[in-house]
Amino acid sequence: MKVIGFAGWKNSGKTTLVEGLIRVLTARGLRVSTVKHAHHNFQIDEPGKDSYRHRAAGATEVVVASQKRWALIHEQSRPAEPDLEEILARMSEVDLVLVEGFKGFPFDKIEVFRHGNGKTLLATDDRHIIAIAADGPIAEAKVPVLSLDDIEAISEFITRHCGLVNADEPAQR
């Protein structure tokens, strides 16, 4: 399973980029999953619902399942950042996993950068950043700079980097 990450400051466009890439990559026949890092105490079930009540009662894991989808909710017993490798090991095998966030973890990433945010480049200090998707040129970049608006070019860069396709061949499984 190939993994590529997306790192960037808040409001840089990571989610919009990942959403566009999912559409393009799945249209090419790739099986794509995502991992999204959250910085807060997020909820995926509602207070009062059975799954919420099970967790509140102390269940370590709760699975909610229906005909259309299922979700596993795992409560952390220690207040620590989840290990990305452990999360990936729990996921079904796919061609590509797009990871949004987890910028401190050592894996290949594309930085999403907007000049208007007034933030510094992450690529300057992160040797795992293999390219930058930006809203304009970056003269000091030491890695390829891709146009943030060119989803096709970014998807092509990813598939080539991950060895998922050759120029005119369908995705390899």
Protein backbone atom coordinates (compact mmCIF):
# COMPACT_ATOMS: atom_id res chain seq x y z
CA MET A 1 0.00 0.00 0.00
CA LYS A 2 1.49 3.34 -1.09
CA VAL A 3 1.16 6.35 1.20
CA ILE A 4 1.58 10.02 0.36
CA GLY A 5 0.93 12.86 2.78
CA PHE A 6 -0.19 16.46 2.54
CA ALA A 7 1.19 18.96 5.01
CA GLY A 8 0.61 22.65 5.29
CA TRP A 9 -0.52 25.43 7.53
CA LYS A 10 -4.19 25.96 8.40
CA ASN A 11 -6.28 27.28 5.48
CA SER A 12 -3.66 26.36 2.88
CA GLY A 13 -6.10 24.20 0.90
CA LYS A 14 -5.09 20.68 1.98
CA THR A 15 -8.64 19.32 2.17
CA THR A 16 -9.70 20.86 -1.14
CA LEU A 17 -6.61 19.40 -2.83
CA VAL A 18 -7.12 15.94 -1.31
CA GLU A 19 -10.79 15.99 -2.33
CA GLY A 20 -9.86 16.82 -5.93
CA LEU A 21 -7.15 14.18 -5.99
CA ILE A 22 -9.55 11.50 -4.75
CA ARG A 23 -11.88 12.26 -7.65
CA VAL A 24 -9.10 12.19 -10.27
CA LEU A 25 -7.28 9.15 -8.91
CA THR A 26 -10.42 7.03 -8.46
CA ALA A 27 -11.54 8.00 -11.98
CA ARG A 28 -8.21 6.50 -13.15
CA GLY A 29 -9.22 3.23 -11.50
CA LEU A 30 -7.12 3.49 -8.35
CA ARG A 31 -8.49 2.39 -5.01
CA VAL A 32 -7.86 5.33 -2.66
CA SER A 33 -8.35 5.72 1.09
CA THR A 34 -7.60 8.67 3.34
CA VAL A 35 -6.38 9.37 6.85
CA LYS A 36 -7.20 12.80 8.28
CA HIS A 37 -5.45 14.17 11.35
CA ALA A 38 -7.58 16.23 13.74
CA HIS A 39 -6.14 18.59 16.31
CA HIS A 40 -9.10 18.52 18.63
CA ASN A 41 -11.48 16.22 20.43
CA PHE A 42 -13.64 15.43 17.40
CA GLN A 43 -16.89 13.47 17.51
CA ILE A 44 -18.22 11.18 14.80
CA ASP A 45 -21.27 10.12 16.73
CA GLU A 46 -23.87 12.23 18.48
CA PRO A 47 -24.63 12.49 22.19
CA GLY A 48 -27.58 10.30 23.03
CA LYS A 49 -27.02 7.86 20.14
CA ASP A 50 -26.27 4.24 21.05
CA SER A 51 -22.67 4.31 19.84
CA TYR A 52 -21.98 7.46 21.86
CA ARG A 53 -23.53 5.85 24.94
CA HIS A 54 -21.36 2.72 24.47
CA ARG A 55 -18.20 4.86 24.35
CA ALA A 56 -19.32 6.97 27.30
CA ALA A 57 -19.87 3.78 29.28
CA GLY A 58 -16.22 2.83 28.73
CA ALA A 59 -15.99 0.71 25.58
CA THR A 60 -12.49 0.76 24.05
CA GLU A 61 -13.83 0.26 20.53
CA VAL A 62 -17.28 0.69 19.07
CA VAL A 63 -18.24 -0.40 15.56
CA VAL A 64 -21.28 1.13 13.91
CA ALA A 65 -22.41 -0.90 10.90
CA SER A 66 -25.13 -0.75 8.27
CA GLN A 67 -25.69 -2.02 4.75
CA LYS A 68 -23.89 0.98 3.25
CA ARG A 69 -20.92 1.61 5.61
CA TRP A 70 -19.29 0.81 8.87
CA ALA A 71 -17.09 2.83 11.20
CA LEU A 72 -14.71 1.83 13.96
CA ILE A 73 -14.37 4.28 16.83
CA HIS A 74 -11.31 3.59 18.97
CA GLU A 75 -10.82 5.42 22.26
CA GLN A 76 -7.20 6.22 23.10
CA SER A 77 -6.32 4.90 26.54
CA ARG A 78 -3.40 7.30 26.72
CA PRO A 79 -3.48 10.94 25.69
CA ALA A 80 -0.92 10.54 22.91
CA GLU A 81 -0.82 11.10 19.19
CA PRO A 82 -1.90 7.91 17.39
CA ASP A 83 0.88 6.15 15.53
CA LEU A 84 0.33 6.46 11.78
CA GLU A 85 1.75 2.98 11.12
CA GLU A 86 -0.77 1.47 13.55
CA ILE A 87 -3.63 3.31 11.84
CA LEU A 88 -2.48 2.18 8.38
CA ALA A 89 -2.19 -1.42 9.58
CA ARG A 90 -5.90 -1.37 10.53
CA MET A 91 -6.98 -0.18 7.08
CA SER A 92 -8.03 -2.34 4.16
CA GLU A 93 -5.47 -2.79 1.39
CA VAL A 94 -5.82 -0.16 -1.36
CA ASP A 95 -3.58 1.25 -4.07
CA LEU A 96 -2.96 4.57 -2.34
CA VAL A 97 -3.61 6.21 1.02
CA LEU A 98 -3.69 10.02 1.08
CA VAL A 99 -2.78 11.34 4.54
CA GLU A 100 -3.83 14.84 5.50
CA GLY A 101 -1.83 16.18 8.41
CA PHE A 102 0.58 14.12 10.53
CA LYS A 103 3.23 16.58 9.32
CA GLY A 104 5.69 15.54 12.03
CA PHE A 105 5.72 11.90 10.92
CA PRO A 106 8.52 10.66 8.61
CA PHE A 107 6.87 9.74 5.29
CA ASP A 108 6.75 11.29 1.81
CA LYS A 109 4.62 14.43 1.74
CA ILE A 110 3.55 17.20 -0.56
CA GLU A 111 3.46 20.60 1.08
CA VAL A 112 0.39 22.71 0.32
CA PHE A 113 1.43 26.35 0.38
CA ARG A 114 -0.37 29.67 -0.14
CA HIS A 115 1.67 32.85 -0.34
CA GLY A 116 -1.15 34.90 1.19
CA ASN A 117 -1.05 32.96 4.48
CA GLY A 118 2.20 34.69 5.47
CA LYS A 119 3.64 31.42 6.78
CA THR A 120 7.07 29.91 6.26
CA LEU A 121 7.75 26.93 4.03
CA LEU A 122 7.68 23.58 5.84
CA ALA A 123 9.91 22.11 3.12
CA THR A 124 12.83 24.13 4.43
CA ASP A 125 13.02 21.92 7.54
CA ASP A 126 11.29 18.68 6.47
CA ARG A 127 13.38 16.36 4.29
CA HIS A 128 10.29 14.17 3.72
CA ILE A 129 8.59 16.84 1.62
CA ILE A 130 9.03 15.70 -1.99
CA ALA A 131 7.13 18.53 -3.73
CA ILE A 132 5.22 21.71 -3.03
CA ALA A 133 1.73 22.44 -4.39
CA ALA A 134 1.55 26.22 -4.36
CA ASP A 135 -0.48 29.14 -5.66
CA GLY A 136 2.58 30.63 -7.32
CA PRO A 137 6.30 30.15 -7.93
CA ILE A 138 8.68 29.58 -5.01
CA ALA A 139 12.20 30.64 -5.94
CA GLU A 140 13.87 29.11 -2.88
CA ALA A 141 12.23 25.67 -3.32
CA LYS A 142 14.62 22.69 -3.40
CA VAL A 143 11.87 20.30 -4.57
CA PRO A 144 9.47 20.46 -7.54
CA VAL A 145 6.78 23.14 -7.28
CA LEU A 146 3.40 22.16 -8.74
CA SER A 147 0.47 24.47 -9.40
CA LEU A 148 -2.07 24.06 -6.60
CA ASP A 149 -4.85 24.46 -9.20
CA ASP A 150 -3.55 21.71 -11.51
CA ILE A 151 -5.03 18.58 -9.91
CA GLU A 152 -4.19 16.48 -12.99
CA ALA A 153 -0.48 17.37 -12.80
CA ILE A 154 -0.37 16.72 -9.07
CA SER A 155 -2.10 13.35 -9.50
CA GLU A 156 0.36 12.46 -12.26
CA PHE A 157 3.28 13.41 -10.00
CA ILE A 158 1.86 11.21 -7.21
CA THR A 159 1.21 8.17 -9.41
CA ARG A 160 4.69 8.35 -10.92
CA HIS A 161 6.36 8.93 -7.55
CA CYS A 162 4.51 5.97 -6.04
CA GLY A 163 5.09 3.75 -9.07
CA LEU A 164 1.38 3.19 -9.55
CA VAL A 165 1.20 3.64 -13.32
CA ASN A 166 3.34 3.82 -16.39
CA ALA A 167 2.62 6.50 -18.97
CA ASP A 168 -0.21 4.80 -20.90
CA GLU A 169 -1.00 1.76 -18.78
CA PRO A 170 -3.85 1.26 -16.30
CA ALA A 171 -3.06 1.23 -12.58
CA GLN A 172 -1.04 -1.75 -11.43
CA ARG A 173 -2.61 -3.86 -8.69
